[in-house]
Protein backbone atom coordinates (compact mmCIF):
# COMPACT_ATOMS: atom_id res chain seq x y z
CA MET A 1 82.21 -98.26 -10.78
CA LYS A 2 84.96 -96.83 -8.60
CA PHE A 3 84.68 -93.52 -10.47
CA LEU A 4 80.90 -93.45 -9.95
CA GLY A 5 81.37 -94.23 -6.25
CA ASN A 6 83.83 -91.34 -5.92
CA VAL A 7 81.38 -88.96 -7.60
CA ILE A 8 78.55 -90.00 -5.27
CA ALA A 9 80.82 -89.69 -2.24
CA THR A 10 81.89 -86.21 -3.35
CA VAL A 11 78.28 -85.08 -3.85
CA ILE A 12 77.29 -86.42 -0.43
CA GLY A 13 80.32 -84.75 1.13
CA ILE A 14 79.46 -81.40 -0.42
CA PHE A 15 75.84 -81.72 0.77
CA ILE A 16 76.94 -82.54 4.34
CA PHE A 17 79.40 -79.61 4.29
CA ILE A 18 76.67 -77.19 3.15
CA MET A 19 74.25 -78.41 5.82
CA LEU A 20 76.91 -78.19 8.57
CA PHE A 21 77.87 -74.71 7.40
CA PHE A 22 74.22 -73.63 7.29
CA PHE A 23 73.30 -74.93 10.75
CA GLY A 24 76.65 -73.80 12.15
CA ALA A 25 76.05 -70.27 10.93
CA ILE A 26 72.61 -70.30 12.54
CA PHE A 27 74.08 -71.56 15.83
CA ILE A 28 76.77 -68.86 15.84
CA GLY A 29 74.17 -66.22 15.05
CA VAL A 30 71.96 -67.37 17.92
CA VAL A 31 74.77 -67.61 20.47
CA PHE A 32 76.84 -64.57 19.51
CA GLY A 33 74.31 -62.44 17.64
CA GLY A 34 73.90 -58.94 19.02
CA ASP A 35 70.82 -56.88 19.52
CA ASP A 36 69.24 -56.21 16.12
CA SER A 37 66.82 -53.57 17.44
CA VAL A 38 66.59 -50.23 15.65
CA SER A 39 67.22 -47.14 17.75
CA VAL A 40 64.53 -44.47 17.94
CA LYS A 41 66.01 -41.10 17.03
CA SER A 42 64.67 -37.81 18.34
CA ASP A 43 61.82 -36.15 16.43
CA SER A 44 60.88 -39.42 14.75
CA VAL A 45 57.70 -40.38 12.91
CA ILE A 46 56.33 -43.92 13.02
CA GLU A 47 55.72 -45.11 9.46
CA PHE A 48 52.61 -47.22 9.49
CA ASN A 49 51.98 -50.15 7.14
CA LEU A 50 50.49 -53.40 8.46
CA LYS A 51 50.69 -55.43 5.25
CA GLU A 52 52.53 -58.31 6.93
CA ILE A 53 50.28 -58.46 10.01
CA LYS A 54 47.28 -60.75 9.72
CA ASN A 55 46.59 -61.98 13.26
CA ASP A 56 46.18 -60.55 16.75
CA TYR A 57 48.92 -62.95 17.91
CA ALA A 58 52.05 -63.90 15.99
CA GLY A 59 52.70 -67.08 18.00
CA LYS A 60 55.55 -68.51 20.02
CA TYR A 61 56.98 -71.99 20.44
CA LYS A 62 57.94 -74.30 23.29
CA ASP A 63 61.12 -75.49 21.58
CA PRO A 64 63.65 -72.58 21.55
CA TRP A 65 65.15 -73.91 18.31
CA VAL A 66 61.88 -73.18 16.54
CA SER A 67 62.54 -69.47 16.95
CA VAL A 68 65.77 -69.92 15.01
CA PHE A 69 63.77 -70.93 11.95
CA SER A 70 60.86 -68.59 12.50
CA ASP A 71 60.67 -64.92 11.64
CA LYS A 72 62.20 -62.97 14.54
CA LYS A 73 60.40 -59.83 13.34
CA SER A 74 57.02 -61.54 13.57
CA ILE A 75 54.58 -59.43 15.56
CA GLY A 76 50.84 -59.45 16.10
CA LEU A 77 48.26 -56.69 16.04
CA THR A 78 48.05 -56.71 19.85
CA ASP A 79 51.78 -55.93 19.99
CA VAL A 80 51.27 -53.02 17.57
CA ILE A 81 48.40 -51.55 19.61
CA ASN A 82 50.47 -51.75 22.80
CA ALA A 83 53.36 -50.04 21.01
CA ILE A 84 51.05 -47.20 19.88
CA GLU A 85 50.00 -46.75 23.50
CA ALA A 86 53.67 -46.53 24.55
CA ALA A 87 54.40 -44.01 21.75
CA LYS A 88 52.00 -41.53 23.37
CA THR A 89 54.55 -40.85 26.11
CA ASP A 90 57.71 -41.42 24.05
CA ASP A 91 59.40 -38.01 23.69
CA ASN A 92 61.24 -39.21 20.57
CA ILE A 93 57.98 -39.85 18.67
CA LYS A 94 56.22 -36.82 17.20
CA GLY A 95 53.58 -38.50 15.08
CA ILE A 96 52.35 -41.43 13.01
CA SER A 97 52.30 -41.57 9.21
CA ILE A 98 49.84 -44.09 7.72
CA LEU A 99 51.53 -44.52 4.34
CA ASN A 100 49.93 -46.68 1.61
CA ASP A 101 48.72 -49.15 4.20
CA GLU A 102 47.76 -52.49 2.58
CA SER A 103 46.49 -54.35 5.59
CA SER A 104 44.15 -57.35 5.28
CA LEU A 105 42.86 -57.06 8.86
CA GLY A 106 39.17 -57.38 9.64
CA LEU A 107 36.78 -54.59 10.61
CA ALA A 108 36.77 -55.42 14.32
CA GLN A 109 40.58 -55.38 14.33
CA TYR A 110 40.46 -52.01 12.55
CA LYS A 111 38.11 -50.79 15.28
CA ASP A 112 40.67 -51.69 17.96
CA LEU A 113 43.40 -50.04 15.90
CA ARG A 114 41.34 -46.89 15.34
CA ASN A 115 40.77 -46.60 19.08
CA ALA A 116 44.52 -46.79 19.68
CA LEU A 117 45.22 -44.13 17.04
CA GLU A 118 42.46 -41.91 18.44
CA SER A 119 44.03 -42.15 21.89
CA PHE A 120 47.44 -41.35 20.37
CA LYS A 121 45.99 -38.21 18.77
CA LYS A 122 44.63 -37.03 22.12
CA SER A 123 48.20 -36.96 23.45
CA GLY A 124 48.79 -33.96 21.17
CA LYS A 125 50.78 -35.83 18.53
CA PHE A 126 49.68 -35.99 14.90
CA VAL A 127 48.34 -38.84 12.78
CA TRP A 128 48.55 -38.19 9.04
CA ALA A 129 47.65 -40.50 6.17
CA TYR A 130 48.55 -40.81 2.51
CA ALA A 131 47.54 -43.40 -0.09
CA ASN A 132 47.47 -43.74 -3.83
CA THR A 133 44.09 -45.45 -3.48
CA TYR A 134 41.82 -46.20 -0.54
CA SER A 135 39.71 -49.32 -0.29
CA GLN A 136 36.64 -48.96 1.91
CA LYS A 137 38.27 -50.82 4.83
CA GLU A 138 41.49 -48.84 4.45
CA TYR A 139 39.55 -45.60 4.48
CA TYR A 140 37.71 -46.68 7.63
CA LEU A 141 41.07 -46.91 9.40
CA THR A 142 42.68 -43.79 7.94
CA SER A 143 39.59 -41.64 8.51
CA VAL A 144 40.86 -41.32 12.08
CA ALA A 145 43.82 -39.22 10.85
CA ASN A 146 44.12 -35.48 11.45
CA THR A 147 44.95 -34.92 7.78
CA ILE A 148 44.23 -37.27 4.87
CA TYR A 149 46.09 -37.04 1.55
CA ILE A 150 45.25 -38.86 -1.69
CA ASN A 151 47.14 -39.19 -4.97
CA PRO A 152 45.64 -37.01 -7.78
CA ALA A 153 45.48 -40.09 -10.03
CA GLY A 154 44.05 -42.35 -7.31
CA ASP A 155 40.55 -43.22 -6.16
CA LEU A 156 38.54 -43.77 -3.00
CA ASP A 157 36.03 -46.61 -2.55
CA PHE A 158 33.03 -45.52 -0.48
CA LYS A 159 29.79 -47.27 -1.41
CA GLY A 160 28.40 -49.19 1.58
CA LEU A 161 28.76 -52.88 2.40
CA SER A 162 27.85 -55.98 0.43
CA SER A 163 28.25 -59.74 0.64
CA GLU A 164 28.02 -62.41 -2.07
CA VAL A 165 26.98 -66.05 -1.68
CA MET A 166 27.34 -68.67 -4.43
CA PHE A 167 24.79 -71.49 -4.88
CA PHE A 168 25.49 -74.94 -6.31
CA LYS A 169 22.20 -76.84 -6.48
CA ASP A 170 21.91 -76.72 -10.28
CA PHE A 171 25.59 -77.61 -10.58
CA GLN A 172 24.99 -80.67 -8.41
CA ASP A 173 22.04 -81.75 -10.53
CA LYS A 174 24.04 -81.40 -13.74
CA SER A 175 27.27 -82.93 -12.45
CA GLY A 176 25.84 -85.76 -10.35
CA ILE A 177 27.89 -84.66 -7.32
CA HIS A 178 25.63 -84.02 -4.33
CA MET A 179 26.23 -82.88 -0.77
CA GLU A 180 24.08 -84.74 1.76
CA VAL A 181 23.09 -82.14 4.36
CA ILE A 182 21.89 -82.76 7.92
CA ARG A 183 21.34 -79.65 10.02
CA HIS A 184 19.55 -77.96 12.87
CA GLY A 185 18.67 -74.29 12.66
CA LYS A 186 16.73 -72.42 9.99
CA TYR A 187 19.56 -69.88 9.73
CA LYS A 188 22.32 -72.50 9.33
CA SER A 189 23.13 -71.25 5.86
CA ALA A 190 26.59 -72.73 5.44
CA VAL A 191 24.81 -75.63 3.74
CA GLU A 192 22.14 -73.59 1.95
CA PRO A 193 24.17 -73.23 -1.28
CA PHE A 194 23.91 -77.01 -1.69
CA LEU A 195 20.14 -77.13 -1.08
CA ASP A 196 18.86 -74.38 -3.37
CA ASN A 197 19.90 -72.11 -6.21
CA LYS A 198 18.84 -68.90 -4.50
CA MET A 199 19.04 -67.28 -1.09
CA SER A 200 16.35 -68.09 1.47
CA ASP A 201 14.36 -65.30 3.11
CA ALA A 202 15.86 -66.25 6.49
CA ASN A 203 19.41 -65.99 5.16
CA ARG A 204 18.73 -62.70 3.37
CA GLU A 205 17.17 -61.36 6.58
CA GLN A 206 20.22 -62.14 8.71
CA ILE A 207 22.79 -60.93 6.17
CA THR A 208 20.89 -57.67 5.68
CA ALA A 209 20.60 -57.10 9.43
CA LEU A 210 24.28 -57.92 9.94
CA LEU A 211 25.53 -55.61 7.18
CA ASN A 212 23.29 -52.76 8.34
CA SER A 213 24.53 -53.13 11.91
CA ILE A 214 28.19 -53.18 10.84
CA TRP A 215 27.67 -50.20 8.51
CA THR A 216 26.10 -48.26 11.39
CA THR A 217 29.30 -48.72 13.40
CA VAL A 218 31.63 -47.94 10.51
CA SER A 219 29.74 -44.85 9.36
CA ALA A 220 29.36 -43.55 12.93
CA ASP A 221 33.12 -43.70 13.46
CA ILE A 222 33.81 -41.96 10.14
CA SER A 223 31.15 -39.35 10.89
CA LYS A 224 32.76 -38.53 14.22
CA SER A 225 36.31 -38.38 12.85
CA ARG A 226 35.46 -36.35 9.73
CA ASN A 227 32.62 -34.28 11.23
CA ILE A 228 30.23 -35.34 8.48
CA PRO A 229 26.57 -36.04 9.38
CA LEU A 230 25.45 -39.64 8.96
CA PRO A 231 22.71 -38.83 6.40
CA LYS A 232 25.36 -37.07 4.30
CA LEU A 233 27.66 -40.12 4.46
CA ASN A 234 24.83 -42.37 3.29
CA GLU A 235 24.10 -39.95 0.47
CA ILE A 236 27.78 -40.07 -0.58
CA ALA A 237 27.77 -43.87 -0.49
CA ASN A 238 24.50 -44.18 -2.45
CA GLY A 239 25.60 -41.83 -5.21
CA LEU A 240 29.29 -42.82 -5.32
CA LEU A 241 29.96 -39.12 -4.77
CA ALA A 242 33.58 -39.64 -3.65
CA ARG A 243 34.79 -41.84 -6.50
CA THR A 244 37.53 -39.45 -7.67
CA PRO A 245 40.10 -37.59 -5.54
CA GLU A 246 38.54 -34.23 -6.35
CA MET A 247 35.04 -35.48 -5.47
CA ALA A 248 36.36 -37.06 -2.24
CA LYS A 249 37.85 -33.71 -1.25
CA GLU A 250 34.65 -31.87 -2.16
CA GLN A 251 32.73 -34.24 0.14
CA HIS A 252 35.33 -33.69 2.91
CA LEU A 253 36.35 -37.35 3.03
CA VAL A 254 39.95 -36.29 2.32
CA ASP A 255 41.78 -33.04 2.96
CA ILE A 256 44.49 -32.71 0.33
CA VAL A 257 44.90 -34.05 -3.21
CA ALA A 258 48.64 -34.23 -3.87
CA TYR A 259 51.53 -36.52 -4.73
CA GLU A 260 53.55 -38.34 -2.08
CA ASP A 261 56.52 -35.95 -2.24
CA VAL A 262 54.21 -33.09 -1.21
CA TYR A 263 53.00 -35.21 1.72
CA HIS A 264 56.57 -35.78 2.94
CA ASP A 265 57.38 -32.07 2.52
CA ALA A 266 54.45 -31.27 4.78
CA ILE A 267 55.77 -33.64 7.45
CA ARG A 268 59.22 -32.03 7.18
CA LYS A 269 57.61 -28.63 7.71
CA ALA A 270 55.69 -29.87 10.75
CA LEU A 271 58.93 -31.25 12.23
CA LYS A 272 60.87 -28.12 11.25
CA VAL A 273 63.23 -30.12 9.04
CA ASP A 274 64.84 -28.48 5.99
CA LYS A 275 63.21 -29.41 2.69
CA ASP A 276 66.42 -30.94 1.31
CA GLU A 277 66.93 -33.15 4.39
CA ASP A 278 65.19 -36.38 5.31
CA TYR A 279 63.21 -36.58 8.51
CA ASN A 280 63.67 -39.37 11.07
CA LYS A 281 61.27 -42.25 10.74
CA ILE A 282 60.94 -45.78 12.09
CA SER A 283 58.67 -48.53 10.82
CA ILE A 284 55.85 -49.67 13.06
CA SER A 285 57.40 -53.16 12.99
CA ASP A 286 60.76 -51.95 14.34
CA TYR A 287 59.15 -49.68 16.90
CA THR A 288 56.96 -52.54 18.13
CA GLN A 289 59.99 -54.82 18.46
CA ASN A 290 61.72 -52.19 20.60
CA HIS A 291 58.66 -51.84 22.79
CA LEU A 292 58.39 -55.62 23.25
CA ALA A 293 61.97 -55.75 24.54
CA THR A 294 61.27 -52.90 26.99
CA ALA A 295 58.02 -54.45 28.20
CA LEU A 296 59.84 -57.75 28.86
CA ASP A 297 62.37 -55.98 31.07
CA ASN A 298 59.61 -54.33 33.12
CA ALA A 299 57.44 -57.43 33.62
CA SER A 300 55.49 -57.58 36.89
CA SER A 301 55.23 -60.69 39.07
CA ASP A 302 51.41 -60.61 38.93
CA GLN A 303 50.28 -61.60 35.44
CA ILE A 304 47.25 -61.76 33.18
CA ALA A 305 47.37 -64.66 30.70
CA ILE A 306 46.12 -63.76 27.22
CA ILE A 307 45.23 -66.92 25.31
CA TYR A 308 44.64 -66.38 21.59
CA ALA A 309 42.19 -68.59 19.70
CA GLN A 310 42.60 -67.71 16.01
CA GLY A 311 41.17 -69.40 12.92
CA GLU A 312 38.90 -72.39 12.36
CA ILE A 313 38.53 -74.96 15.13
CA GLY A 314 39.89 -78.43 14.40
CA SER A 315 41.65 -81.37 15.96
CA GLY A 316 45.36 -81.61 16.74
CA GLU A 317 47.92 -79.10 17.99
CA GLY A 318 46.78 -76.02 16.08
CA ASP A 319 48.89 -72.99 15.13
CA VAL A 320 48.54 -69.22 14.69
CA ASN A 321 45.96 -69.79 11.94
CA THR A 322 43.98 -72.72 13.40
CA ILE A 323 42.58 -73.58 16.82
CA GLY A 324 43.52 -77.07 18.02
CA GLU A 325 42.58 -78.70 21.29
CA GLY A 326 46.24 -79.55 21.96
CA SER A 327 47.61 -76.04 22.30
CA MET A 328 44.40 -74.53 23.70
CA ARG A 329 43.81 -77.05 26.48
CA ARG A 330 47.51 -77.05 27.41
CA SER A 331 47.51 -73.23 27.59
CA LEU A 332 44.48 -73.15 29.86
CA GLN A 333 45.99 -75.84 32.11
CA GLU A 334 49.34 -74.02 32.36
CA ALA A 335 47.67 -70.68 33.12
CA ARG A 336 45.43 -72.33 35.69
CA LYS A 337 48.35 -73.94 37.53
CA ASN A 338 50.69 -70.92 37.38
CA ASP A 339 50.42 -69.06 40.70
CA ASP A 340 51.72 -65.82 39.14
CA ILE A 341 48.78 -65.72 36.74
CA LYS A 342 45.76 -64.19 38.47
CA ALA A 343 43.26 -64.06 35.60
CA ILE A 344 42.84 -65.20 31.99
CA VAL A 345 41.67 -63.29 28.93
CA LEU A 346 40.62 -65.46 25.99
CA ARG A 347 40.90 -63.55 22.71
CA ILE A 348 38.72 -65.26 20.08
CA ASP A 349 38.80 -64.63 16.34
CA SER A 350 37.09 -67.68 14.88
CA PRO A 351 34.12 -68.64 12.68
CA GLY A 352 33.96 -72.01 14.49
CA GLY A 353 34.61 -75.53 13.24
CA SER A 354 34.65 -78.94 14.91
CA ALA A 355 31.87 -79.31 17.48
CA LEU A 356 33.85 -81.95 19.39
CA THR A 357 36.96 -79.78 19.72
CA SER A 358 34.79 -76.81 20.71
CA ASP A 359 33.29 -78.87 23.52
CA LEU A 360 36.72 -80.03 24.73
CA ILE A 361 37.91 -76.41 24.95
CA TRP A 362 34.62 -75.37 26.59
CA ARG A 363 35.17 -78.01 29.28
CA GLU A 364 38.71 -76.80 29.95
CA ILE A 365 37.39 -73.26 30.40
CA GLU A 366 34.69 -74.55 32.74
CA VAL A 367 37.34 -76.20 34.94
CA THR A 368 39.62 -73.15 34.77
CA LYS A 369 36.84 -70.71 35.66
CA LYS A 370 36.47 -72.40 39.04
CA VAL A 371 40.09 -71.48 39.87
CA LYS A 372 40.63 -68.13 38.11
CA PRO A 373 38.40 -65.60 36.32
CA VAL A 374 38.12 -65.97 32.54
CA VAL A 375 37.16 -62.96 30.41
CA VAL A 376 36.52 -63.25 26.68
CA SER A 377 37.42 -60.64 24.07
CA MET A 378 35.85 -61.20 20.64
CA GLY A 379 37.65 -60.03 17.49
CA ASN A 380 36.31 -60.13 13.93
CA TYR A 381 34.45 -63.39 14.56
CA ALA A 382 33.36 -65.44 17.52
CA ALA A 383 30.66 -67.42 15.77
CA SER A 384 29.24 -70.91 16.20
CA GLY A 385 32.12 -72.96 17.66
CA GLY A 386 33.85 -69.65 18.34
CA TYR A 387 30.90 -68.65 20.53
CA TYR A 388 30.71 -72.17 21.99
CA ILE A 389 34.14 -71.69 23.61
CA ALA A 390 33.17 -68.19 24.81
CA CYS A 391 29.74 -68.72 26.32
CA ASN A 392 30.77 -69.83 29.81
CA ALA A 393 33.28 -67.03 30.54
CA ASN A 394 32.80 -64.70 33.52
CA LYS A 395 32.44 -61.73 31.14
CA ILE A 396 32.25 -61.42 27.35
CA PHE A 397 33.39 -58.34 25.40
CA ALA A 398 32.73 -57.76 21.69
CA GLU A 399 33.27 -54.92 19.26
CA ASN A 400 30.16 -53.38 17.69
CA ASN A 401 31.08 -55.00 14.37
CA THR A 402 32.10 -58.41 15.73
CA ILE A 403 30.24 -61.26 13.99
CA THR A 404 28.96 -63.63 16.65
CA GLY A 405 26.18 -66.05 17.59
CA SER A 406 25.46 -68.65 14.90
CA ILE A 407 24.39 -71.10 17.59
CA GLY A 408 23.66 -74.13 15.44
CA VAL A 409 25.27 -77.27 14.03
CA PHE A 410 25.25 -79.26 10.80
CA GLY A 411 26.69 -82.30 9.10
CA MET A 412 27.56 -82.50 5.41
CA LEU A 413 28.68 -85.52 3.37
CA PRO A 414 29.64 -85.68 -0.32
CA ASN A 415 27.65 -88.13 -2.43
CA PHE A 416 28.76 -89.17 -5.92
CA SER A 417 26.14 -91.87 -6.59
CA PRO A 418 24.32 -89.90 -9.36
CA LEU A 419 27.66 -89.31 -11.10
CA ALA A 420 28.65 -92.96 -10.60
CA ASN A 421 25.41 -94.07 -12.26
CA LYS A 422 26.06 -91.78 -15.22
CA LEU A 423 29.54 -93.25 -15.64
CA GLY A 424 28.34 -96.83 -15.25
CA ILE A 425 29.98 -97.40 -11.87
CA ASN A 426 28.16 -99.69 -9.43
CA SER A 427 29.11 -100.09 -5.77
CA GLU A 428 27.81 -102.80 -3.42
CA GLN A 429 28.41 -103.54 0.26
CA VAL A 430 28.59 -106.80 2.22
CA LYS A 431 28.04 -106.63 6.00
CA THR A 432 27.54 -108.84 9.05
CA HIS A 433 25.06 -106.55 10.79
CA GLU A 434 22.35 -104.19 9.65
CA ASN A 435 24.28 -101.01 10.48
CA ALA A 436 27.83 -102.34 10.08
CA ALA A 437 28.68 -100.55 6.84
CA ASN A 438 30.17 -97.06 6.87
CA TYR A 439 28.71 -94.24 4.83
CA SER A 440 29.59 -94.66 1.15
CA PRO A 441 29.70 -91.62 -1.16
CA PHE A 442 28.99 -93.99 -4.09
CA LEU A 443 25.62 -95.24 -2.80
CA PRO A 444 22.35 -93.36 -2.19
CA VAL A 445 22.20 -92.19 1.42
CA ASP A 446 20.69 -94.76 3.75
CA GLU A 447 17.68 -93.29 5.58
CA LYS A 448 18.63 -95.03 8.83
CA PHE A 449 22.13 -93.57 8.62
CA LYS A 450 20.61 -90.15 7.95
CA ALA A 451 18.32 -90.54 10.98
CA PHE A 452 21.22 -91.54 13.25
CA THR A 453 23.28 -88.59 12.01
CA LEU A 454 20.41 -86.18 12.56
CA GLU A 455 20.08 -87.60 16.06
CA GLY A 456 23.74 -86.72 16.65
CA VAL A 457 23.25 -83.22 15.23
CA GLU A 458 20.24 -82.65 17.49
CA LYS A 459 22.17 -83.89 20.53
CA ILE A 460 25.05 -81.50 19.89
CA TYR A 461 22.65 -78.62 19.24
CA ASN A 462 20.87 -79.27 22.54
CA THR A 463 24.23 -79.46 24.32
CA PHE A 464 25.34 -76.20 22.67
CA VAL A 465 22.14 -74.36 23.66
CA THR A 466 22.32 -75.77 27.20
CA HIS A 467 25.92 -74.55 27.61
CA VAL A 468 24.93 -71.09 26.39
CA ALA A 469 21.87 -71.00 28.67
CA GLU A 470 23.93 -71.96 31.73
CA GLY A 471 26.81 -69.63 30.86
CA ARG A 472 24.59 -66.63 30.07
CA LYS A 473 22.03 -67.35 32.82
CA MET A 474 19.16 -67.74 30.37
CA THR A 475 16.55 -70.43 29.82
CA PHE A 476 16.87 -73.03 27.06
CA SER A 477 13.89 -71.55 25.21
CA GLN A 478 15.36 -68.02 25.44
CA VAL A 479 18.60 -69.18 23.81
CA ASP A 480 16.78 -71.33 21.27
CA SER A 481 14.75 -68.33 20.12
CA ILE A 482 17.94 -66.38 19.23
CA ALA A 483 19.90 -69.43 18.08
CA GLN A 484 18.85 -71.56 15.07
CA GLY A 485 22.22 -70.71 13.51
CA ARG A 486 21.51 -66.97 13.17
CA VAL A 487 24.48 -64.59 13.20
CA TRP A 488 24.48 -61.25 15.02
CA SER A 489 26.70 -58.20 15.17
CA GLY A 490 28.27 -57.30 18.51
CA THR A 491 25.78 -54.44 18.88
CA GLU A 492 22.84 -56.83 18.40
CA ALA A 493 24.44 -59.52 20.59
CA LEU A 494 24.62 -57.07 23.50
CA LYS A 495 20.88 -56.36 23.23
CA ILE A 496 19.92 -60.04 23.28
CA GLY A 497 22.31 -61.03 26.07
CA LEU A 498 24.99 -62.98 24.20
CA VAL A 499 27.71 -60.53 25.29
CA ASP A 500 28.12 -58.31 28.36
CA LYS A 501 29.92 -55.21 27.10
CA ILE A 502 31.15 -53.50 23.94
CA GLY A 503 34.91 -53.09 23.91
CA GLY A 504 38.24 -54.35 22.65
CA LEU A 505 41.00 -56.52 24.06
CA ASN A 506 42.32 -53.82 26.41
CA ASP A 507 38.83 -53.39 27.85
CA ALA A 508 38.66 -57.13 28.52
CA ILE A 509 42.09 -57.03 30.19
CA ALA A 510 40.96 -54.11 32.37
CA GLU A 511 37.89 -56.15 33.41
CA ALA A 512 40.08 -59.15 34.25
CA THR A 513 42.36 -57.02 36.45
CA LYS A 514 39.30 -55.59 38.18
CA ILE A 515 37.90 -59.05 38.95
CA ALA A 516 41.35 -60.25 40.12
CA LYS A 517 41.86 -57.01 42.14
CA LEU A 518 45.21 -56.22 40.55
CA LYS A 519 46.81 -52.75 40.57
CA LYS A 520 50.06 -53.65 38.81
CA TYR A 521 50.44 -56.49 36.34
CA SER A 522 52.12 -57.73 33.18
CA THR A 523 50.71 -59.95 30.45
CA GLN A 524 51.79 -63.41 29.33
CA ASN A 525 50.80 -64.59 25.83
CA TYR A 526 49.65 -68.11 24.97
CA PRO A 527 49.61 -70.60 23.26
CA GLU A 528 53.15 -71.91 22.94
CA TYR A 529 52.95 -74.27 19.97
CA GLU A 530 54.74 -77.60 19.82
CA LYS A 531 56.26 -77.97 16.35
CA THR A 532 58.49 -80.58 14.71
CA LEU A 533 61.57 -80.02 12.56
CA ASN A 534 59.47 -80.65 9.42
CA ASP A 535 57.10 -77.87 10.45
CA LEU A 536 60.03 -75.49 10.82
CA LEU A 537 61.87 -76.31 7.61
CA GLY A 538 58.72 -75.47 5.67
CA ASN A 539 59.32 -71.82 6.57
CA LEU A 540 62.74 -71.69 4.95
CA PRO A 541 63.13 -70.08 1.50
CA PHE A 542 64.51 -73.25 -0.09
CA ALA A 543 61.63 -75.32 1.31
CA LYS A 544 58.72 -73.31 -0.02
CA SER A 545 55.46 -75.16 0.44
CA LYS A 546 53.37 -76.46 -2.42
CA GLU A 547 50.66 -74.02 -1.30
CA ALA A 548 53.04 -71.11 -1.87
CA PHE A 549 53.86 -72.34 -5.37
CA ILE A 550 50.17 -72.84 -6.20
CA LYS A 551 49.35 -69.34 -4.95
CA GLU A 552 52.03 -67.88 -7.21
CA GLU A 553 50.67 -69.74 -10.23
CA ILE A 554 46.90 -69.26 -9.87
CA GLY A 555 46.75 -66.01 -7.89
CA GLU A 556 45.53 -65.10 -4.41
CA GLU A 557 41.76 -65.06 -5.12
CA ASN A 558 41.73 -68.42 -6.94
CA TYR A 559 43.85 -69.89 -4.16
CA LEU A 560 41.25 -68.80 -1.58
CA LEU A 561 38.55 -70.65 -3.56
CA LEU A 562 40.77 -73.74 -3.59
CA GLU A 563 41.23 -73.42 0.17
CA GLN A 564 37.45 -73.39 0.68
CA VAL A 565 37.13 -76.67 -1.23
CA LYS A 566 39.95 -78.17 0.88
CA LYS A 567 38.25 -77.06 4.10
CA PHE A 568 35.01 -78.85 3.16
CA GLN A 569 37.04 -82.01 2.43
CA LYS A 570 38.79 -81.88 5.82
CA GLN A 571 35.70 -81.27 7.95
CA LYS A 572 34.98 -84.40 9.96
CA GLY A 573 32.09 -85.01 12.32
CA VAL A 574 29.37 -82.52 13.16
CA GLN A 575 30.33 -78.89 12.58
CA ALA A 576 29.54 -75.78 14.60
CA ILE A 577 30.79 -73.18 12.16
CA LEU A 578 29.75 -69.77 10.84
CA PRO A 579 26.79 -70.30 8.48
CA TYR A 580 28.53 -68.89 5.42
CA GLY A 581 31.87 -67.47 4.39
CA ILE A 582 31.26 -63.74 4.61
CA ASN A 583 33.58 -61.29 2.91
CA ILE A 584 32.51 -57.71 3.53
CA TYR A 585 33.34 -55.31 0.72
């Protein structure tokens, strides 16, 4: 026993030593670590690949120790766009090389990025692009380049837009697993897959209108950049006339079919660098980090607060991928009480979510608006709950291809009673009062319960429409006629009064400075998330999450399907969320 005790003591001692060494090394690195920024050499080219960037905002934390465990190189798309703006006047930067970009950003984010690259080009510096293959979204971004290269063995996807919706009614009938649906709004199609086995005319109408509107924006930008008439672009898309590199060049979608070494030789020639020497380059990530440090040093006393609302809306603290009332309400309160902050820009990229949380955030904006101007900038989505938290702002900006509206609510409850009957399972309830029992997924839905739930859905819908009517200075009936859960593009939303102007985040910031009458200002990003030690340790390599392991085993696409199932399970209360999961291809 003494031997066993010694072994256990030794193991514990080694573990404690390793942990002390690990945390000690981190502490020394934080206290004594030098500047890890990368210098920008003369005649440099920014190498552009946004594979690791998924959000407008990368997040920051109240507890300084959180940063020790988080990725110091973490940057958001907004940081990148600001860095591109700074590169216009940086004498060390001669151009930008978009090299095999594998970004997963949305179309509205690409629109913002294209605008920044277009502005960079106007400074007289070059933007070139090379890829082995171009997806349609990737081509939309790189079409802004002066010169576009493609690998001779590659391909280019240019075929128009599509969206796919799966239906589960027959599956429910066969399996005995039903979803009890309570909704308001004929376009509230998030629940349609559980009610029918085909798409309704109303849903097909809105998806068709949405895709056509987004395609109009995408094709117009490509037409302008490549000097190709719109009818010709539609002809190319219809006939798949750019499906090979040679065909893409023939249709003027690309300029040069060549391998990557030829592309780099061309850059060397443009920079007047010998063919056997390497030219100076810096990654967009490193360049952005350098710019962030410079911007921090030059901060102005007058500030604009940029509060980022990213992801689905739910309860709790929230993080860079989810909107929680904790971080959002705290951010609005802090910005409201900070005398240095003169105006607030709310950047929304959300399909919606919890109706209750949306209303709590709406109320905080309503209180804040009485003290300081609030301007909204919509990203890829600001739909349903995402529009709920936008509707009372002083001004609302959207991109042409922003997905917005979806003013409607629904409730959805799983019901396994048909399956339970098949398996011979019987469930019974005992109660003291007529309505004392909670909803049971193992019993047929009680009509009184259904009526009470519908009453709640109707109440929230009326509240939602009323908020929009008051915020947009419209009548209830005017809002109701464009609501019913229907989604709109930013272009359409401008016509019907749901937004004020077409533009990106920088346009919204300019509007906020105009309202606040500021000539010189700096920006302050929110939220600052409150995280625990358990939250932080999950980011470490040796503490990989179960989600990361599952993703490795079943693949990215199957993992996304699993995530959709999990989201339905987590949804509590009435939902104000985008009517369907739309992936634009």
